[in-house]
Amino acid sequence: MDVSDFDYDLPEELIAQTPLKDRAASRLMVLNPNSDRIAHHHFSEIIDYLNPGDCLVLNDTKVLPARLIGHKEETGAKIELLLLKQTEGDSWECLAKPAKRVHEGEHIQFGDGRLEAVCTQELDEGRRIVTFHYEGIFYEVLEELGKMPLPPYIKEQLDDPDLYQTVYAKHRGSAAAPTAGLHFTKELLAKIEEKGIHLVFITLHVGLGTFRPVKVDKIEEHTMHSEFYQMSAQAADTLTNARAEGHRIIACGTTVIRTLETITAKYDGKYQEASGWTDIFIYPGFQYRAIDGMITNFHLPKSTLIMLVSAFAGRDFILKAYREAVKEKYRFFSFGDAMFIEEGNKNK
């Protein structure tokens, strides 16, 4: 299958640069692939599409101030590191920029030497393993010296970094936000719970696997990098009971989908307490087992994320919906609008 099959035309002015003041005021496109229906709403109306007994599954990862800007101790050259994932102790896998200037054994200093990184291994695609040296508590030092790692298509800086966190963010470890969850307010979540919908929290720390561009022509040749996930016994039991009672599992975001599909694939279709690393790549032809509907944003052309959504709702229907979104001037990507796909296309 060609990567170009997942391309579409997007005017640059539709790429959202800043979040809305009211998170739930964003627009919501509701899709039903089986009836070929596209409807236009506001996100606050998502509650009307959730039924008592349904499970709304949310990713409670917290974005780290993972962008560090420093200089090489030996030459003074400017170096930027983006923390991707902790490998062991004070060692992290990072994206280095420019990577050609970061070699094994070299030292990079941040904040007048308050934090130092030593490169211990060179990997492909600009990745490096570094070990940090510091005094005190690492995350406190990172909070002082690091910056929020906004996607490259967002040119404006945020006045408040918390705008790039979900209101339920809890477990720190992500290099990017699970952006479908940015639309929820605490008030909306409270109303959803009052209606009898179960809020279920899982964790996937977003890393390179989610936003790495596809650089091959055939999508089958693309390799995902692994990301850490975790689901509790309580979450697994809630999902299991809901399914047994005939209720739906609604995933908020592609990170939730990848976590649930990884776990159910590993445990023969069952929800199970689990943690580990996933490099699952979902594209058309994939058979969903874990979810019955999804909330997601509008994704980049030719990205693994639009392939994942196409696997659920059908490529032709998704591209039709994207053309409609462009026509109706929806806002795209991380701070953009959302779509709710009520159920998967049974004839994908």
C-alpha atoms as a PDB file:
ATOM      1  CA  MET A   1       0.000   0.000   0.000  1.00  0.00           C
ATOM      2  CA  ASP A   2       1.454   3.385  -1.003  1.00  0.00           C
ATOM      3  CA  VAL A   3       2.059   6.165   1.502  1.00  0.00           C
ATOM      4  CA  SER A   4       0.707   8.581  -1.117  1.00  0.00           C
ATOM      5  CA  ASP A   5      -2.707   6.910  -0.724  1.00  0.00           C
ATOM      6  CA  PHE A   6      -3.011   8.813   2.575  1.00  0.00           C
ATOM      7  CA  ASP A   7      -2.180  12.261   1.270  1.00  0.00           C
ATOM      8  CA  TYR A   8      -4.569  15.206   1.130  1.00  0.00           C
ATOM      9  CA  ASP A   9      -4.390  18.946   0.417  1.00  0.00           C
ATOM     10  CA  LEU A  10      -4.329  21.157   3.507  1.00  0.00           C
ATOM     11  CA  PRO A  11      -4.116  24.960   3.390  1.00  0.00           C
ATOM     12  CA  GLU A  12      -1.458  26.096   5.866  1.00  0.00           C
ATOM     13  CA  GLU A  13      -3.813  28.612   7.474  1.00  0.00           C
ATOM     14  CA  LEU A  14      -5.939  25.732   8.829  1.00  0.00           C
ATOM     15  CA  ILE A  15      -3.096  24.462  11.033  1.00  0.00           C
ATOM     16  CA  ALA A  16      -4.069  25.616  14.529  1.00  0.00           C
ATOM     17  CA  GLN A  17      -1.267  27.589  16.189  1.00  0.00           C
ATOM     18  CA  THR A  18      -2.864  28.203  19.579  1.00  0.00           C
ATOM     19  CA  PRO A  19      -5.453  26.379  21.699  1.00  0.00           C
ATOM     20  CA  LEU A  20      -8.911  27.799  22.302  1.00  0.00           C
ATOM     21  CA  LYS A  21      -9.523  29.449  25.681  1.00  0.00           C
ATOM     22  CA  ASP A  22     -12.428  27.064  26.225  1.00  0.00           C
ATOM     23  CA  ARG A  23     -11.113  23.601  25.406  1.00  0.00           C
ATOM     24  CA  ALA A  24     -14.582  22.142  24.844  1.00  0.00           C
ATOM     25  CA  ALA A  25     -15.551  24.913  22.405  1.00  0.00           C
ATOM     26  CA  SER A  26     -13.636  23.276  19.568  1.00  0.00           C
ATOM     27  CA  ARG A  27     -15.621  21.777  16.721  1.00  0.00           C
ATOM     28  CA  LEU A  28     -16.525  18.105  16.531  1.00  0.00           C
ATOM     29  CA  MET A  29     -17.113  16.180  13.323  1.00  0.00           C
ATOM     30  CA  VAL A  30     -19.155  13.041  13.982  1.00  0.00           C
ATOM     31  CA  LEU A  31     -18.670  10.189  11.525  1.00  0.00           C
ATOM     32  CA  ASN A  32     -20.547   6.962  10.981  1.00  0.00           C
ATOM     33  CA  PRO A  33     -18.802   4.919   8.266  1.00  0.00           C
ATOM     34  CA  ASN A  34     -21.597   2.390   7.997  1.00  0.00           C
ATOM     35  CA  SER A  35     -24.259   4.981   7.154  1.00  0.00           C
ATOM     36  CA  ASP A  36     -21.782   7.243   5.350  1.00  0.00           C
ATOM     37  CA  ARG A  37     -22.923  10.078   7.627  1.00  0.00           C
ATOM     38  CA  ILE A  38     -20.925  13.214   8.488  1.00  0.00           C
ATOM     39  CA  ALA A  39     -22.363  15.658  11.047  1.00  0.00           C
ATOM     40  CA  HIS A  40     -20.997  18.904  12.493  1.00  0.00           C
ATOM     41  CA  HIS A  41     -21.132  19.756  16.199  1.00  0.00           C
ATOM     42  CA  HIS A  42     -19.115  21.311  19.017  1.00  0.00           C
ATOM     43  CA  PHE A  43     -16.964  19.178  21.272  1.00  0.00           C
ATOM     44  CA  SER A  44     -19.079  19.858  24.353  1.00  0.00           C
ATOM     45  CA  GLU A  45     -21.799  17.825  22.592  1.00  0.00           C
ATOM     46  CA  ILE A  46     -19.678  14.652  22.741  1.00  0.00           C
ATOM     47  CA  ILE A  47     -21.681  13.744  25.835  1.00  0.00           C
ATOM     48  CA  ASP A  48     -24.761  13.268  23.630  1.00  0.00           C
ATOM     49  CA  TYR A  49     -22.955  10.473  21.764  1.00  0.00           C
ATOM     50  CA  LEU A  50     -21.895   8.580  24.890  1.00  0.00           C
ATOM     51  CA  ASN A  51     -24.332   6.176  26.541  1.00  0.00           C
ATOM     52  CA  PRO A  52     -24.631   5.106  30.188  1.00  0.00           C
ATOM     53  CA  GLY A  53     -22.411   2.089  30.751  1.00  0.00           C
ATOM     54  CA  ASP A  54     -19.944   3.045  28.006  1.00  0.00           C
ATOM     55  CA  CYS A  55     -16.259   3.341  28.882  1.00  0.00           C
ATOM     56  CA  LEU A  56     -14.339   6.442  27.824  1.00  0.00           C
ATOM     57  CA  VAL A  57     -10.654   5.512  27.888  1.00  0.00           C
ATOM     58  CA  LEU A  58      -8.150   8.349  28.412  1.00  0.00           C
ATOM     59  CA  ASN A  59      -4.346   8.513  28.390  1.00  0.00           C
ATOM     60  CA  ASP A  60      -3.147  10.165  31.626  1.00  0.00           C
ATOM     61  CA  THR A  61       0.478  10.618  30.554  1.00  0.00           C
ATOM     62  CA  LYS A  62       2.061  13.987  31.370  1.00  0.00           C
ATOM     63  CA  VAL A  63       4.316  15.840  28.936  1.00  0.00           C
ATOM     64  CA  LEU A  64       7.825  16.529  30.186  1.00  0.00           C
ATOM     65  CA  PRO A  65       9.546  19.865  29.499  1.00  0.00           C
ATOM     66  CA  ALA A  66      11.621  17.597  27.300  1.00  0.00           C
ATOM     67  CA  ARG A  67      13.357  20.136  25.035  1.00  0.00           C
ATOM     68  CA  LEU A  68      16.794  21.095  26.287  1.00  0.00           C
ATOM     69  CA  ILE A  69      19.035  23.681  24.613  1.00  0.00           C
ATOM     70  CA  GLY A  70      22.703  23.738  25.577  1.00  0.00           C
ATOM     71  CA  HIS A  71      26.207  23.674  24.184  1.00  0.00           C
ATOM     72  CA  LYS A  72      29.061  21.233  23.728  1.00  0.00           C
ATOM     73  CA  GLU A  73      31.655  21.527  26.461  1.00  0.00           C
ATOM     74  CA  GLU A  74      34.496  20.977  24.002  1.00  0.00           C
ATOM     75  CA  THR A  75      33.572  23.511  21.280  1.00  0.00           C
ATOM     76  CA  GLY A  76      30.687  25.615  22.557  1.00  0.00           C
ATOM     77  CA  ALA A  77      28.507  24.516  19.609  1.00  0.00           C
ATOM     78  CA  LYS A  78      24.755  24.860  20.239  1.00  0.00           C
ATOM     79  CA  ILE A  79      23.015  21.510  20.737  1.00  0.00           C
ATOM     80  CA  GLU A  80      19.339  20.714  21.266  1.00  0.00           C
ATOM     81  CA  LEU A  81      18.132  17.488  22.857  1.00  0.00           C
ATOM     82  CA  LEU A  82      14.553  16.203  22.862  1.00  0.00           C
ATOM     83  CA  LEU A  83      14.057  13.551  25.536  1.00  0.00           C
ATOM     84  CA  LEU A  84      12.187  10.577  24.064  1.00  0.00           C
ATOM     85  CA  LYS A  85      12.271   7.915  26.752  1.00  0.00           C
ATOM     86  CA  GLN A  86      14.163   6.895  29.849  1.00  0.00           C
ATOM     87  CA  THR A  87      16.194   3.772  29.162  1.00  0.00           C
ATOM     88  CA  GLU A  88      17.761   3.103  32.560  1.00  0.00           C
ATOM     89  CA  GLY A  89      18.496   5.264  35.600  1.00  0.00           C
ATOM     90  CA  ASP A  90      19.762   8.637  34.377  1.00  0.00           C
ATOM     91  CA  SER A  91      20.163   7.421  30.792  1.00  0.00           C
ATOM     92  CA  TRP A  92      17.713   8.626  28.141  1.00  0.00           C
ATOM     93  CA  GLU A  93      17.121   8.139  24.447  1.00  0.00           C
ATOM     94  CA  CYS A  94      17.037  11.587  22.832  1.00  0.00           C
ATOM     95  CA  LEU A  95      16.794  13.254  19.471  1.00  0.00           C
ATOM     96  CA  ALA A  96      19.897  15.389  18.978  1.00  0.00           C
ATOM     97  CA  LYS A  97      19.992  18.457  16.762  1.00  0.00           C
ATOM     98  CA  PRO A  98      22.275  18.729  14.889  1.00  0.00           C
ATOM     99  CA  ALA A  99      22.982  15.033  15.449  1.00  0.00           C
ATOM    100  CA  LYS A 100      26.152  15.087  13.333  1.00  0.00           C
ATOM    101  CA  ARG A 101      27.799  17.143  16.079  1.00  0.00           C
ATOM    102  CA  VAL A 102      26.992  14.740  18.917  1.00  0.00           C
ATOM    103  CA  HIS A 103      29.330  11.765  19.168  1.00  0.00           C
ATOM    104  CA  GLU A 104      30.042   9.127  21.773  1.00  0.00           C
ATOM    105  CA  GLY A 105      31.967  10.472  24.753  1.00  0.00           C
ATOM    106  CA  GLU A 106      31.115  14.127  24.170  1.00  0.00           C
ATOM    107  CA  HIS A 107      29.683  16.356  26.906  1.00  0.00           C
ATOM    108  CA  ILE A 108      26.751  18.788  26.543  1.00  0.00           C
ATOM    109  CA  GLN A 109      26.017  21.375  29.225  1.00  0.00           C
ATOM    110  CA  PHE A 110      22.722  23.040  30.075  1.00  0.00           C
ATOM    111  CA  GLY A 111      22.004  25.923  32.428  1.00  0.00           C
ATOM    112  CA  ASP A 112      25.622  26.939  33.082  1.00  0.00           C
ATOM    113  CA  GLY A 113      26.555  23.365  33.894  1.00  0.00           C
ATOM    114  CA  ARG A 114      23.671  22.661  36.277  1.00  0.00           C
ATOM    115  CA  LEU A 115      22.826  19.726  34.014  1.00  0.00           C
ATOM    116  CA  GLU A 116      25.311  17.787  31.889  1.00  0.00           C
ATOM    117  CA  ALA A 117      24.673  15.076  29.307  1.00  0.00           C
ATOM    118  CA  VAL A 118      27.308  12.619  28.163  1.00  0.00           C
ATOM    119  CA  CYS A 119      26.648  10.783  24.898  1.00  0.00           C
ATOM    120  CA  THR A 120      27.117   7.047  25.450  1.00  0.00           C
ATOM    121  CA  GLN A 121      25.715   5.623  22.198  1.00  0.00           C
ATOM    122  CA  GLU A 122      24.946   6.825  18.667  1.00  0.00           C
ATOM    123  CA  LEU A 123      21.736   5.495  17.086  1.00  0.00           C
ATOM    124  CA  ASP A 124      20.134   6.089  13.690  1.00  0.00           C
ATOM    125  CA  GLU A 125      17.780   8.909  12.673  1.00  0.00           C
ATOM    126  CA  GLY A 126      19.491  11.464  14.904  1.00  0.00           C
ATOM    127  CA  ARG A 127      18.891   9.527  18.118  1.00  0.00           C
ATOM    128  CA  ARG A 128      21.443   9.349  20.897  1.00  0.00           C
ATOM    129  CA  ILE A 129      21.651   7.658  24.279  1.00  0.00           C
ATOM    130  CA  VAL A 130      22.897  10.139  26.871  1.00  0.00           C
ATOM    131  CA  THR A 131      23.524   9.909  30.610  1.00  0.00           C
ATOM    132  CA  PHE A 132      22.669  12.985  32.666  1.00  0.00           C
ATOM    133  CA  HIS A 133      24.724  14.299  35.579  1.00  0.00           C
ATOM    134  CA  TYR A 134      23.252  16.815  38.039  1.00  0.00           C
ATOM    135  CA  GLU A 135      22.746  17.671  41.683  1.00  0.00           C
ATOM    136  CA  GLY A 136      19.363  17.292  43.343  1.00  0.00           C
ATOM    137  CA  ILE A 137      16.256  15.772  41.731  1.00  0.00           C
ATOM    138  CA  PHE A 138      16.332  15.274  37.962  1.00  0.00           C
ATOM    139  CA  TYR A 139      12.724  16.252  37.267  1.00  0.00           C
ATOM    140  CA  GLU A 140      13.089  19.451  39.291  1.00  0.00           C
ATOM    141  CA  VAL A 141      16.181  20.389  37.290  1.00  0.00           C
ATOM    142  CA  LEU A 142      14.315  19.537  34.075  1.00  0.00           C
ATOM    143  CA  GLU A 143      11.377  21.742  35.101  1.00  0.00           C
ATOM    144  CA  GLU A 144      13.792  24.671  35.470  1.00  0.00           C
ATOM    145  CA  LEU A 145      15.850  24.159  32.322  1.00  0.00           C
ATOM    146  CA  GLY A 146      13.568  22.342  29.879  1.00  0.00           C
ATOM    147  CA  LYS A 147      10.981  23.726  27.497  1.00  0.00           C
ATOM    148  CA  MET A 148       7.675  22.264  26.348  1.00  0.00           C
ATOM    149  CA  PRO A 149       8.332  20.241  23.160  1.00  0.00           C
ATOM    150  CA  LEU A 150       5.702  21.647  20.805  1.00  0.00           C
ATOM    151  CA  PRO A 151       5.381  20.067  17.344  1.00  0.00           C
ATOM    152  CA  PRO A 152       7.418  21.769  14.585  1.00  0.00           C
ATOM    153  CA  TYR A 153       4.305  22.988  12.744  1.00  0.00           C
ATOM    154  CA  ILE A 154       3.376  25.171  15.755  1.00  0.00           C
ATOM    155  CA  LYS A 155       5.336  28.398  15.359  1.00  0.00           C
ATOM    156  CA  GLU A 156       3.958  30.349  18.339  1.00  0.00           C
ATOM    157  CA  GLN A 157       5.139  29.862  21.924  1.00  0.00           C
ATOM    158  CA  LEU A 158       2.556  29.143  24.610  1.00  0.00           C
ATOM    159  CA  ASP A 159       1.967  31.691  27.364  1.00  0.00           C
ATOM    160  CA  ASP A 160       0.972  28.816  29.649  1.00  0.00           C
ATOM    161  CA  PRO A 161       2.692  25.424  29.150  1.00  0.00           C
ATOM    162  CA  ASP A 162      -0.241  23.686  30.864  1.00  0.00           C
ATOM    163  CA  LEU A 163      -2.295  24.353  27.736  1.00  0.00           C
ATOM    164  CA  TYR A 164      -0.312  21.498  26.174  1.00  0.00           C
ATOM    165  CA  GLN A 165      -1.356  19.135  28.994  1.00  0.00           C
ATOM    166  CA  THR A 166      -4.667  17.340  29.421  1.00  0.00           C
ATOM    167  CA  VAL A 167      -6.591  18.330  32.552  1.00  0.00           C
ATOM    168  CA  TYR A 168      -6.108  14.761  33.821  1.00  0.00           C
ATOM    169  CA  ALA A 169      -2.370  14.441  33.076  1.00  0.00           C
ATOM    170  CA  LYS A 170      -0.751  12.484  35.903  1.00  0.00           C
ATOM    171  CA  HIS A 171       2.205  10.245  35.025  1.00  0.00           C
ATOM    172  CA  ARG A 172       5.124  12.214  33.554  1.00  0.00           C
ATOM    173  CA  GLY A 173       7.075  10.704  30.710  1.00  0.00           C
ATOM    174  CA  SER A 174       5.817  11.961  27.314  1.00  0.00           C
ATOM    175  CA  ALA A 175       7.624  13.905  24.623  1.00  0.00           C
ATOM    176  CA  ALA A 176       4.268  15.016  23.168  1.00  0.00           C
ATOM    177  CA  ALA A 177       0.701  15.407  24.389  1.00  0.00           C
ATOM    178  CA  PRO A 178      -2.089  12.904  23.661  1.00  0.00           C
ATOM    179  CA  THR A 179      -3.849  15.732  21.864  1.00  0.00           C
ATOM    180  CA  ALA A 180      -7.341  14.267  21.460  1.00  0.00           C
ATOM    181  CA  GLY A 181      -7.661  14.635  25.223  1.00  0.00           C
ATOM    182  CA  LEU A 182      -6.907  18.371  25.157  1.00  0.00           C
ATOM    183  CA  HIS A 183     -10.586  19.059  24.332  1.00  0.00           C
ATOM    184  CA  PHE A 184     -11.869  17.864  27.705  1.00  0.00           C
ATOM    185  CA  THR A 185     -12.460  20.179  30.647  1.00  0.00           C
ATOM    186  CA  LYS A 186     -12.905  19.005  34.222  1.00  0.00           C
ATOM    187  CA  GLU A 187     -16.511  20.211  34.049  1.00  0.00           C
ATOM    188  CA  LEU A 188     -17.263  18.193  30.912  1.00  0.00           C
ATOM    189  CA  LEU A 189     -15.679  15.063  32.374  1.00  0.00           C
ATOM    190  CA  ALA A 190     -17.786  15.496  35.531  1.00  0.00           C
ATOM    191  CA  LYS A 191     -20.969  15.697  33.413  1.00  0.00           C
ATOM    192  CA  ILE A 192     -19.917  12.589  31.488  1.00  0.00           C
ATOM    193  CA  GLU A 193     -19.453  10.667  34.738  1.00  0.00           C
ATOM    194  CA  GLU A 194     -22.804  11.920  36.053  1.00  0.00           C
ATOM    195  CA  LYS A 195     -24.451  10.441  32.955  1.00  0.00           C
ATOM    196  CA  GLY A 196     -23.138   7.010  33.932  1.00  0.00           C
ATOM    197  CA  ILE A 197     -20.161   6.725  31.594  1.00  0.00           C
ATOM    198  CA  HIS A 198     -17.061   5.122  33.101  1.00  0.00           C
ATOM    199  CA  LEU A 199     -13.809   7.099  32.846  1.00  0.00           C
ATOM    200  CA  VAL A 200     -10.946   4.633  32.450  1.00  0.00           C
ATOM    201  CA  PHE A 201      -7.324   5.819  32.576  1.00  0.00           C
ATOM    202  CA  ILE A 202      -4.372   4.085  30.945  1.00  0.00           C
ATOM    203  CA  THR A 203      -0.858   5.387  30.298  1.00  0.00           C
ATOM    204  CA  LEU A 204       1.223   5.510  27.146  1.00  0.00           C
ATOM    205  CA  HIS A 205       4.251   7.787  27.134  1.00  0.00           C
ATOM    206  CA  VAL A 206       4.263   9.387  23.704  1.00  0.00           C
ATOM    207  CA  GLY A 207       7.627   9.195  21.973  1.00  0.00           C
ATOM    208  CA  LEU A 208       9.115   8.943  18.522  1.00  0.00           C
ATOM    209  CA  GLY A 209       6.837   6.071  17.521  1.00  0.00           C
ATOM    210  CA  THR A 210       3.788   8.306  17.349  1.00  0.00           C
ATOM    211  CA  PHE A 211       5.059  11.328  15.446  1.00  0.00           C
ATOM    212  CA  ARG A 212       7.946   9.986  13.400  1.00  0.00           C
ATOM    213  CA  PRO A 213       7.310  10.711   9.703  1.00  0.00           C
ATOM    214  CA  VAL A 214       6.915   7.890   7.211  1.00  0.00           C
ATOM    215  CA  LYS A 215       9.922   8.047   4.884  1.00  0.00           C
ATOM    216  CA  VAL A 216       9.275   4.951   2.790  1.00  0.00           C
ATOM    217  CA  ASP A 217       7.021   4.617  -0.271  1.00  0.00           C
ATOM    218  CA  LYS A 218       5.288   1.427   0.888  1.00  0.00           C
ATOM    219  CA  ILE A 219       3.714   1.657   4.340  1.00  0.00           C
ATOM    220  CA  GLU A 220       4.444  -2.011   5.043  1.00  0.00           C
ATOM    221  CA  GLU A 221       8.156  -1.090   5.115  1.00  0.00           C
ATOM    222  CA  HIS A 222       7.741   1.520   7.856  1.00  0.00           C
ATOM    223  CA  THR A 223       9.036   0.603  11.327  1.00  0.00           C
ATOM    224  CA  MET A 224       7.527   2.100  14.476  1.00  0.00           C
ATOM    225  CA  HIS A 225       9.698   2.890  17.477  1.00  0.00           C
ATOM    226  CA  SER A 226       8.544   1.495  20.811  1.00  0.00           C
ATOM    227  CA  GLU A 227       6.693   3.421  23.507  1.00  0.00           C
ATOM    228  CA  PHE A 228       5.995   2.455  27.124  1.00  0.00           C
ATOM    229  CA  TYR A 229       2.416   1.634  28.182  1.00  0.00           C
ATOM    230  CA  GLN A 230       0.691   0.579  31.375  1.00  0.00           C
ATOM    231  CA  MET A 231      -2.835  -0.521  32.282  1.00  0.00           C
ATOM    232  CA  SER A 232      -4.007  -1.290  35.810  1.00  0.00           C
ATOM    233  CA  ALA A 233      -6.056  -4.277  36.949  1.00  0.00           C
ATOM    234  CA  GLN A 234      -8.910  -1.894  37.820  1.00  0.00           C
ATOM    235  CA  ALA A 235      -8.948  -0.455  34.303  1.00  0.00           C
ATOM    236  CA  ALA A 236      -8.861  -3.941  32.761  1.00  0.00           C
ATOM    237  CA  ASP A 237     -11.739  -5.127  34.962  1.00  0.00           C
ATOM    238  CA  THR A 238     -13.884  -2.094  34.133  1.00  0.00           C
ATOM    239  CA  LEU A 239     -13.384  -2.641  30.398  1.00  0.00           C
ATOM    240  CA  THR A 240     -14.024  -6.380  30.681  1.00  0.00           C
ATOM    241  CA  ASN A 241     -17.273  -5.866  32.615  1.00  0.00           C
ATOM    242  CA  ALA A 242     -18.508  -3.193  30.207  1.00  0.00           C
ATOM    243  CA  ARG A 243     -17.950  -5.436  27.189  1.00  0.00           C
ATOM    244  CA  ALA A 244     -19.656  -8.360  28.950  1.00  0.00           C
ATOM    245  CA  GLU A 245     -22.694  -6.157  29.563  1.00  0.00           C
ATOM    246  CA  GLY A 246     -22.850  -5.050  25.918  1.00  0.00           C
ATOM    247  CA  HIS A 247     -21.509  -1.534  26.405  1.00  0.00           C
ATOM    248  CA  ARG A 248     -19.037   0.261  24.167  1.00  0.00           C
ATOM    249  CA  ILE A 249     -15.344   1.012  24.620  1.00  0.00           C
ATOM    250  CA  ILE A 250     -14.624   4.522  23.312  1.00  0.00           C
ATOM    251  CA  ALA A 251     -10.939   5.364  22.948  1.00  0.00           C
ATOM    252  CA  CYS A 252      -9.821   8.965  23.260  1.00  0.00           C
ATOM    253  CA  GLY A 253      -6.842   9.291  20.963  1.00  0.00           C
ATOM    254  CA  THR A 254      -4.550   7.085  18.938  1.00  0.00           C
ATOM    255  CA  THR A 255      -2.254   6.419  21.921  1.00  0.00           C
ATOM    256  CA  VAL A 256      -5.139   4.791  23.792  1.00  0.00           C
ATOM    257  CA  ILE A 257      -6.033   2.758  20.714  1.00  0.00           C
ATOM    258  CA  ARG A 258      -2.479   1.487  20.293  1.00  0.00           C
ATOM    259  CA  THR A 259      -2.292   0.532  23.969  1.00  0.00           C
ATOM    260  CA  LEU A 260      -5.597  -1.348  24.049  1.00  0.00           C
ATOM    261  CA  GLU A 261      -4.978  -3.120  20.748  1.00  0.00           C
ATOM    262  CA  THR A 262      -1.498  -4.137  21.914  1.00  0.00           C
ATOM    263  CA  ILE A 263      -2.859  -5.627  25.135  1.00  0.00           C
ATOM    264  CA  THR A 264      -5.810  -7.460  23.570  1.00  0.00           C
ATOM    265  CA  ALA A 265      -3.540  -8.879  20.863  1.00  0.00           C
ATOM    266  CA  LYS A 266      -1.178 -10.169  23.538  1.00  0.00           C
ATOM    267  CA  TYR A 267      -3.923 -11.671  25.720  1.00  0.00           C
ATOM    268  CA  ASP A 268      -6.186 -13.280  23.106  1.00  0.00           C
ATOM    269  CA  GLY A 269      -8.753 -10.500  22.923  1.00  0.00           C
ATOM    270  CA  LYS A 270      -8.895  -9.904  26.685  1.00  0.00           C
ATOM    271  CA  TYR A 271      -8.246  -6.727  28.647  1.00  0.00           C
ATOM    272  CA  GLN A 272      -5.494  -7.479  31.111  1.00  0.00           C
ATOM    273  CA  GLU A 273      -3.374  -5.640  33.646  1.00  0.00           C
ATOM    274  CA  ALA A 274      -0.156  -5.106  31.718  1.00  0.00           C
ATOM    275  CA  SER A 275       2.855  -2.899  31.116  1.00  0.00           C
ATOM    276  CA  GLY A 276       5.598  -2.979  28.525  1.00  0.00           C
ATOM    277  CA  TRP A 277       6.705  -1.529  25.215  1.00  0.00           C
ATOM    278  CA  THR A 278       4.651  -1.372  22.046  1.00  0.00           C
ATOM    279  CA  ASP A 279       5.683  -0.758  18.458  1.00  0.00           C
ATOM    280  CA  ILE A 280       2.291  -1.675  16.991  1.00  0.00           C
ATOM    281  CA  PHE A 281       1.628  -0.137  13.565  1.00  0.00           C
ATOM    282  CA  ILE A 282      -2.046   0.002  12.595  1.00  0.00           C
ATOM    283  CA  TYR A 283      -3.024   0.565   8.970  1.00  0.00           C
ATOM    284  CA  PRO A 284      -5.842  -0.655   6.665  1.00  0.00           C
ATOM    285  CA  GLY A 285      -6.244  -4.398   6.850  1.00  0.00           C
ATOM    286  CA  PHE A 286      -5.801  -4.380  10.621  1.00  0.00           C
ATOM    287  CA  GLN A 287      -8.626  -6.066  12.550  1.00  0.00           C
ATOM    288  CA  TYR A 288      -9.664  -4.018  15.576  1.00  0.00           C
ATOM    289  CA  ARG A 289     -10.545  -5.996  18.681  1.00  0.00           C
ATOM    290  CA  ALA A 290     -10.386  -3.627  21.635  1.00  0.00           C
ATOM    291  CA  ILE A 291     -12.509  -0.582  20.786  1.00  0.00           C
ATOM    292  CA  ASP A 292     -15.952   0.314  19.454  1.00  0.00           C
ATOM    293  CA  GLY A 293     -15.471   4.008  18.718  1.00  0.00           C
ATOM    294  CA  MET A 294     -12.793   6.674  18.812  1.00  0.00           C
ATOM    295  CA  ILE A 295     -12.240  10.366  19.469  1.00  0.00           C
ATOM    296  CA  THR A 296      -9.315  11.763  17.516  1.00  0.00           C
ATOM    297  CA  ASN A 297      -7.935  14.961  16.026  1.00  0.00           C
ATOM    298  CA  PHE A 298      -7.243  15.685  12.358  1.00  0.00           C
ATOM    299  CA  HIS A 299      -3.823  14.287  11.495  1.00  0.00           C
ATOM    300  CA  LEU A 300      -0.936  15.112   9.181  1.00  0.00           C
ATOM    301  CA  PRO A 301      -1.039  13.903   5.575  1.00  0.00           C
ATOM    302  CA  LYS A 302       0.741  10.573   5.024  1.00  0.00           C
ATOM    303  CA  SER A 303       1.176  10.030   8.781  1.00  0.00           C
ATOM    304  CA  THR A 304       0.830   6.757  10.691  1.00  0.00           C
ATOM    305  CA  LEU A 305      -2.055   8.367  12.572  1.00  0.00           C
ATOM    306  CA  ILE A 306      -4.250   8.956   9.526  1.00  0.00           C
ATOM    307  CA  MET A 307      -3.457   5.351   8.522  1.00  0.00           C
ATOM    308  CA  LEU A 308      -4.645   4.136  11.938  1.00  0.00           C
ATOM    309  CA  VAL A 309      -7.920   6.054  11.632  1.00  0.00           C
ATOM    310  CA  SER A 310      -8.368   4.808   8.066  1.00  0.00           C
ATOM    311  CA  ALA A 311      -8.010   1.236   9.308  1.00  0.00           C
ATOM    312  CA  PHE A 312     -11.017   1.837  11.563  1.00  0.00           C
ATOM    313  CA  ALA A 313     -13.316   3.830   9.300  1.00  0.00           C
ATOM    314  CA  GLY A 314     -12.058   3.097   5.778  1.00  0.00           C
ATOM    315  CA  ARG A 315      -9.548   5.163   3.804  1.00  0.00           C
ATOM    316  CA  ASP A 316     -11.994   6.552   1.252  1.00  0.00           C
ATOM    317  CA  PHE A 317     -14.456   7.672   3.919  1.00  0.00           C
ATOM    318  CA  ILE A 318     -11.751   9.283   6.054  1.00  0.00           C
ATOM    319  CA  LEU A 319     -10.318  11.202   3.101  1.00  0.00           C
ATOM    320  CA  LYS A 320     -13.861  12.307   2.230  1.00  0.00           C
ATOM    321  CA  ALA A 321     -14.259  13.560   5.812  1.00  0.00           C
ATOM    322  CA  TYR A 322     -10.928  15.395   5.630  1.00  0.00           C
ATOM    323  CA  ARG A 323     -11.982  17.122   2.410  1.00  0.00           C
ATOM    324  CA  GLU A 324     -15.184  18.155   4.165  1.00  0.00           C
ATOM    325  CA  ALA A 325     -13.166  19.456   7.115  1.00  0.00           C
ATOM    326  CA  VAL A 326     -10.996  21.570   4.807  1.00  0.00           C
ATOM    327  CA  LYS A 327     -14.093  22.915   3.046  1.00  0.00           C
ATOM    328  CA  GLU A 328     -15.706  23.802   6.385  1.00  0.00           C
ATOM    329  CA  LYS A 329     -12.441  25.310   7.667  1.00  0.00           C
ATOM    330  CA  TYR A 330     -11.899  23.028  10.628  1.00  0.00           C
ATOM    331  CA  ARG A 331      -8.705  23.601  12.622  1.00  0.00           C
ATOM    332  CA  PHE A 332      -6.093  20.871  12.175  1.00  0.00           C
ATOM    333  CA  PHE A 333      -3.474  18.998  14.221  1.00  0.00           C
ATOM    334  CA  SER A 334      -2.546  19.294  17.912  1.00  0.00           C
ATOM    335  CA  PHE A 335      -4.553  22.388  18.874  1.00  0.00           C
ATOM    336  CA  GLY A 336      -7.212  21.796  16.247  1.00  0.00           C
ATOM    337  CA  ASP A 337     -10.706  20.341  16.201  1.00  0.00           C
ATOM    338  CA  ALA A 338     -11.798  16.750  16.780  1.00  0.00           C
ATOM    339  CA  MET A 339     -13.739  13.941  15.201  1.00  0.00           C
ATOM    340  CA  PHE A 340     -15.770  11.171  16.799  1.00  0.00           C
ATOM    341  CA  ILE A 341     -16.099   7.958  14.841  1.00  0.00           C
ATOM    342  CA  GLU A 342     -19.124   6.157  16.252  1.00  0.00           C
ATOM    343  CA  GLU A 343     -18.239   2.679  15.035  1.00  0.00           C
ATOM    344  CA  GLY A 344     -15.797   0.985  12.743  1.00  0.00           C
ATOM    345  CA  ASN A 345     -16.596   0.364   9.109  1.00  0.00           C
ATOM    346  CA  LYS A 346     -17.734  -3.240   8.862  1.00  0.00           C
ATOM    347  CA  ASN A 347     -16.906  -3.267   5.164  1.00  0.00           C
ATOM    348  CA  LYS A 348     -13.387  -1.786   5.250  1.00  0.00           C
END
